[in-house]
Amino acid sequence: MPHVDGTQLIQHVSFHLADSLPKEALEVMNAELKSLPPKLRDAEKEKRIARFIDAGKGSCVLRVPVIAEMVQNAFLIFHGERYTLHAWCVMPNHVHVLFQPKAGWTMSKIVASWKSFTGRRISEYMKAAKLELGEPSGKPNPIWHREYWDRYIRDHAHYVNVVKYIHENPVKAGLVARPEDWKWSSANAATLERGEPSR
């Protein structure tokens, strides 16, 4: 999947847990999309994947407060140093981040560092939880899907729509009534009161 990278671009990136989009579901989608004209397939595929993931499939381990907090903190820790954060939201099985890389950092390098750091910690958490339940931990499964989706911001109207989309995600999923009620989002006042990036 081609990515457009650059420090002058504000990027909307989304990535999801590996088990939130099973291979079989993707194969069904691809088969259904073959009837569409080729130029319409990518946009329709992106919409269908977003709907599938928003439905809350898979383990949804990001719903665990300690995990959601850790992922959110991973975004916040290098704000102002490696990138400027504009908006974010940690959903039960995926994340959205709107940010602009700083000089010397690329979008791909930043996303890789988030996924690597959080993936290790989520694996450790899941292994400890299995041991606590007396279950064999076995070989760990991948945490994050290897790919991510990105779209650079084209203009001010696009920026406003993306921030709204990110903040409305928990409402659309039926998790809260108002965006500011979701604790793991830049829409949440308590997060912003800690001195984190403003929207």
Protein backbone atom coordinates (compact mmCIF):
# COMPACT_ATOMS: atom_id res chain seq x y z
CA MET A 1 0.00 0.00 0.00
CA PRO A 2 1.63 3.32 -1.03
CA HIS A 3 2.23 5.93 1.66
CA VAL A 4 2.83 9.65 1.12
CA ASP A 5 5.35 10.84 3.69
CA GLY A 6 6.91 14.18 4.55
CA THR A 7 7.47 16.54 7.49
CA GLN A 8 5.33 19.23 5.87
CA LEU A 9 2.28 16.94 5.87
CA ILE A 10 -0.24 16.42 8.65
CA GLN A 11 -1.13 12.74 8.57
CA HIS A 12 -4.22 10.82 9.68
CA VAL A 13 -3.01 7.31 10.52
CA SER A 14 -5.11 4.38 11.65
CA PHE A 15 -3.91 0.93 12.65
CA HIS A 16 -5.69 -2.01 14.20
CA LEU A 17 -5.13 -5.16 16.21
CA ALA A 18 -4.14 -8.19 14.15
CA ASP A 19 -7.19 -10.20 15.22
CA SER A 20 -9.72 -7.44 14.45
CA LEU A 21 -9.84 -8.22 10.72
CA PRO A 22 -9.61 -11.97 10.07
CA LYS A 23 -8.11 -13.12 6.79
CA GLU A 24 -11.38 -14.86 5.88
CA ALA A 25 -13.38 -11.62 6.26
CA LEU A 26 -10.89 -9.80 4.04
CA GLU A 27 -11.14 -12.53 1.40
CA VAL A 28 -14.95 -12.22 1.37
CA MET A 29 -14.67 -8.44 0.98
CA ASN A 30 -12.19 -8.78 -1.87
CA ALA A 31 -14.45 -11.25 -3.67
CA GLU A 32 -17.45 -8.91 -3.30
CA LEU A 33 -15.46 -5.92 -4.53
CA LYS A 34 -14.47 -7.63 -7.79
CA SER A 35 -17.83 -6.60 -9.25
CA LEU A 36 -16.96 -2.90 -8.82
CA PRO A 37 -14.98 -0.90 -11.40
CA PRO A 38 -11.26 -0.98 -10.45
CA LYS A 39 -11.05 2.76 -9.71
CA LEU A 40 -13.81 2.46 -7.07
CA ARG A 41 -12.48 -0.63 -5.30
CA ASP A 42 -9.87 0.94 -3.00
CA ALA A 43 -12.22 3.57 -1.56
CA GLU A 44 -15.01 1.01 -1.05
CA LYS A 45 -12.58 -1.47 0.51
CA GLU A 46 -11.36 1.19 2.94
CA LYS A 47 -14.98 1.99 3.95
CA ARG A 48 -15.86 -1.68 4.46
CA ILE A 49 -12.76 -2.37 6.52
CA ALA A 50 -13.49 0.69 8.70
CA ARG A 51 -17.08 -0.50 9.26
CA PHE A 52 -15.90 -4.03 10.08
CA ILE A 53 -13.29 -2.81 12.57
CA ASP A 54 -15.68 -0.25 14.11
CA ALA A 55 -18.04 -3.16 14.84
CA GLY A 56 -15.57 -4.23 17.56
CA LYS A 57 -14.28 -7.56 16.24
CA GLY A 58 -11.43 -9.54 17.79
CA SER A 59 -10.02 -9.54 21.31
CA CYS A 60 -10.49 -5.76 21.76
CA VAL A 61 -7.63 -5.76 24.27
CA LEU A 62 -7.39 -1.97 23.92
CA ARG A 63 -10.62 -1.84 25.94
CA VAL A 64 -8.56 -2.78 29.05
CA PRO A 65 -7.96 0.59 30.79
CA VAL A 66 -4.28 -0.05 31.60
CA ILE A 67 -3.61 -0.99 27.94
CA ALA A 68 -5.57 1.96 26.51
CA GLU A 69 -3.71 4.34 28.85
CA MET A 70 -0.34 2.87 27.86
CA VAL A 71 -1.12 3.26 24.12
CA GLN A 72 -2.34 6.84 24.62
CA ASN A 73 0.80 7.67 26.61
CA ALA A 74 2.95 6.22 23.81
CA PHE A 75 1.46 8.87 21.50
CA LEU A 76 1.87 11.66 24.04
CA ILE A 77 5.43 11.00 25.15
CA PHE A 78 7.20 12.37 22.05
CA HIS A 79 4.69 15.12 21.22
CA GLY A 80 6.70 18.25 20.43
CA GLU A 81 9.91 16.27 19.96
CA ARG A 82 9.36 13.76 17.12
CA TYR A 83 5.98 15.06 15.96
CA THR A 84 3.13 17.42 16.75
CA LEU A 85 -0.07 15.66 17.80
CA HIS A 86 -3.34 17.18 16.64
CA ALA A 87 -5.89 14.52 17.63
CA TRP A 88 -6.04 10.85 18.63
CA CYS A 89 -8.39 8.16 19.84
CA VAL A 90 -7.69 4.69 21.23
CA MET A 91 -10.63 2.44 20.38
CA PRO A 92 -11.10 -1.16 21.67
CA ASN A 93 -9.45 -2.71 18.60
CA HIS A 94 -7.85 0.15 16.65
CA VAL A 95 -6.38 3.64 16.97
CA HIS A 96 -6.54 6.93 15.07
CA VAL A 97 -3.77 9.52 15.28
CA LEU A 98 -3.55 12.89 13.52
CA PHE A 99 0.00 14.23 13.66
CA GLN A 100 2.75 16.04 11.79
CA PRO A 101 6.29 14.59 11.85
CA LYS A 102 9.16 16.87 12.86
CA ALA A 103 12.38 17.18 10.85
CA GLY A 104 14.39 13.96 10.94
CA TRP A 105 11.31 11.79 11.52
CA THR A 106 9.09 10.12 8.96
CA MET A 107 5.53 8.96 9.38
CA SER A 108 6.59 5.34 8.82
CA LYS A 109 9.34 5.55 11.47
CA ILE A 110 6.96 7.10 14.01
CA VAL A 111 4.20 4.55 13.40
CA ALA A 112 6.71 1.68 13.56
CA SER A 113 7.98 2.94 16.93
CA TRP A 114 4.43 3.19 18.32
CA LYS A 115 3.53 -0.30 17.15
CA SER A 116 6.78 -1.85 18.35
CA PHE A 117 6.70 -0.24 21.81
CA THR A 118 3.01 -0.89 22.48
CA GLY A 119 3.04 -4.35 20.85
CA ARG A 120 5.73 -5.59 23.26
CA ARG A 121 3.87 -4.26 26.29
CA ILE A 122 0.50 -5.64 25.18
CA SER A 123 2.15 -9.06 24.61
CA GLU A 124 3.65 -8.96 28.11
CA TYR A 125 0.27 -8.00 29.59
CA MET A 126 -1.56 -10.82 27.76
CA LYS A 127 1.09 -13.38 28.74
CA ALA A 128 0.83 -12.37 32.42
CA ALA A 129 -3.00 -12.51 32.26
CA LYS A 130 -2.88 -16.05 30.83
CA LEU A 131 -0.41 -17.17 33.51
CA GLU A 132 -2.63 -15.68 36.19
CA LEU A 133 -5.56 -17.72 34.84
CA GLY A 134 -3.39 -20.84 34.72
CA GLU A 135 -3.55 -21.00 30.92
CA PRO A 136 -0.50 -21.92 28.85
CA SER A 137 0.88 -18.79 27.23
CA GLY A 138 2.17 -20.56 24.10
CA LYS A 139 3.72 -18.69 21.20
CA PRO A 140 2.55 -15.06 21.18
CA ASN A 141 0.40 -13.95 18.26
CA PRO A 142 1.15 -10.67 16.49
CA ILE A 143 -0.52 -7.76 18.27
CA TRP A 144 -0.91 -5.25 15.44
CA HIS A 145 -1.85 -5.85 11.84
CA ARG A 146 1.36 -5.27 9.90
CA GLU A 147 -0.10 -2.53 7.69
CA TYR A 148 -1.58 0.84 8.58
CA TRP A 149 -3.80 3.29 6.73
CA ASP A 150 -2.78 6.88 6.22
CA ARG A 151 -4.11 9.92 4.49
CA TYR A 152 -2.44 13.31 4.48
CA ILE A 153 -4.52 16.40 5.19
CA ARG A 154 -5.32 18.31 2.01
CA ASP A 155 -6.83 21.54 3.38
CA HIS A 156 -8.50 23.12 6.41
CA ALA A 157 -11.93 21.62 5.72
CA HIS A 158 -10.36 18.14 5.48
CA TYR A 159 -8.52 18.77 8.77
CA VAL A 160 -11.74 19.77 10.57
CA ASN A 161 -13.58 16.71 9.21
CA VAL A 162 -10.80 14.33 10.27
CA VAL A 163 -10.63 15.73 13.82
CA LYS A 164 -14.42 15.36 14.07
CA TYR A 165 -14.26 11.81 12.67
CA ILE A 166 -11.56 10.81 15.19
CA HIS A 167 -13.40 12.32 18.15
CA GLU A 168 -16.80 10.92 17.07
CA ASN A 169 -15.46 7.36 16.65
CA PRO A 170 -16.40 6.18 20.20
CA VAL A 171 -19.85 7.76 19.85
CA LYS A 172 -20.44 6.09 16.48
CA ALA A 173 -19.39 2.76 18.01
CA GLY A 174 -21.93 3.19 20.84
CA LEU A 175 -19.26 3.36 23.57
CA VAL A 176 -20.17 6.81 24.92
CA ALA A 177 -22.83 9.47 24.35
CA ARG A 178 -20.40 12.37 23.76
CA PRO A 179 -16.82 12.45 22.38
CA GLU A 180 -15.49 14.11 25.54
CA ASP A 181 -16.70 11.14 27.61
CA TRP A 182 -14.15 8.78 26.01
CA LYS A 183 -11.10 8.79 28.27
CA TRP A 184 -8.54 7.73 25.65
CA SER A 185 -9.03 10.56 23.20
CA SER A 186 -7.88 14.13 22.65
CA ALA A 187 -11.57 15.09 22.99
CA ASN A 188 -11.43 14.23 26.71
CA ALA A 189 -10.99 17.26 28.97
CA ALA A 190 -9.12 15.30 31.68
CA THR A 191 -6.45 14.34 29.15
CA LEU A 192 -6.14 17.94 28.03
CA GLU A 193 -5.96 19.24 31.61
CA ARG A 194 -2.79 17.20 32.11
CA GLY A 195 -1.12 19.68 29.77
CA GLU A 196 -1.34 17.49 26.68
CA PRO A 197 -1.88 18.81 23.14
CA SER A 198 -4.96 20.92 22.59
CA ARG A 199 -7.37 20.28 19.74
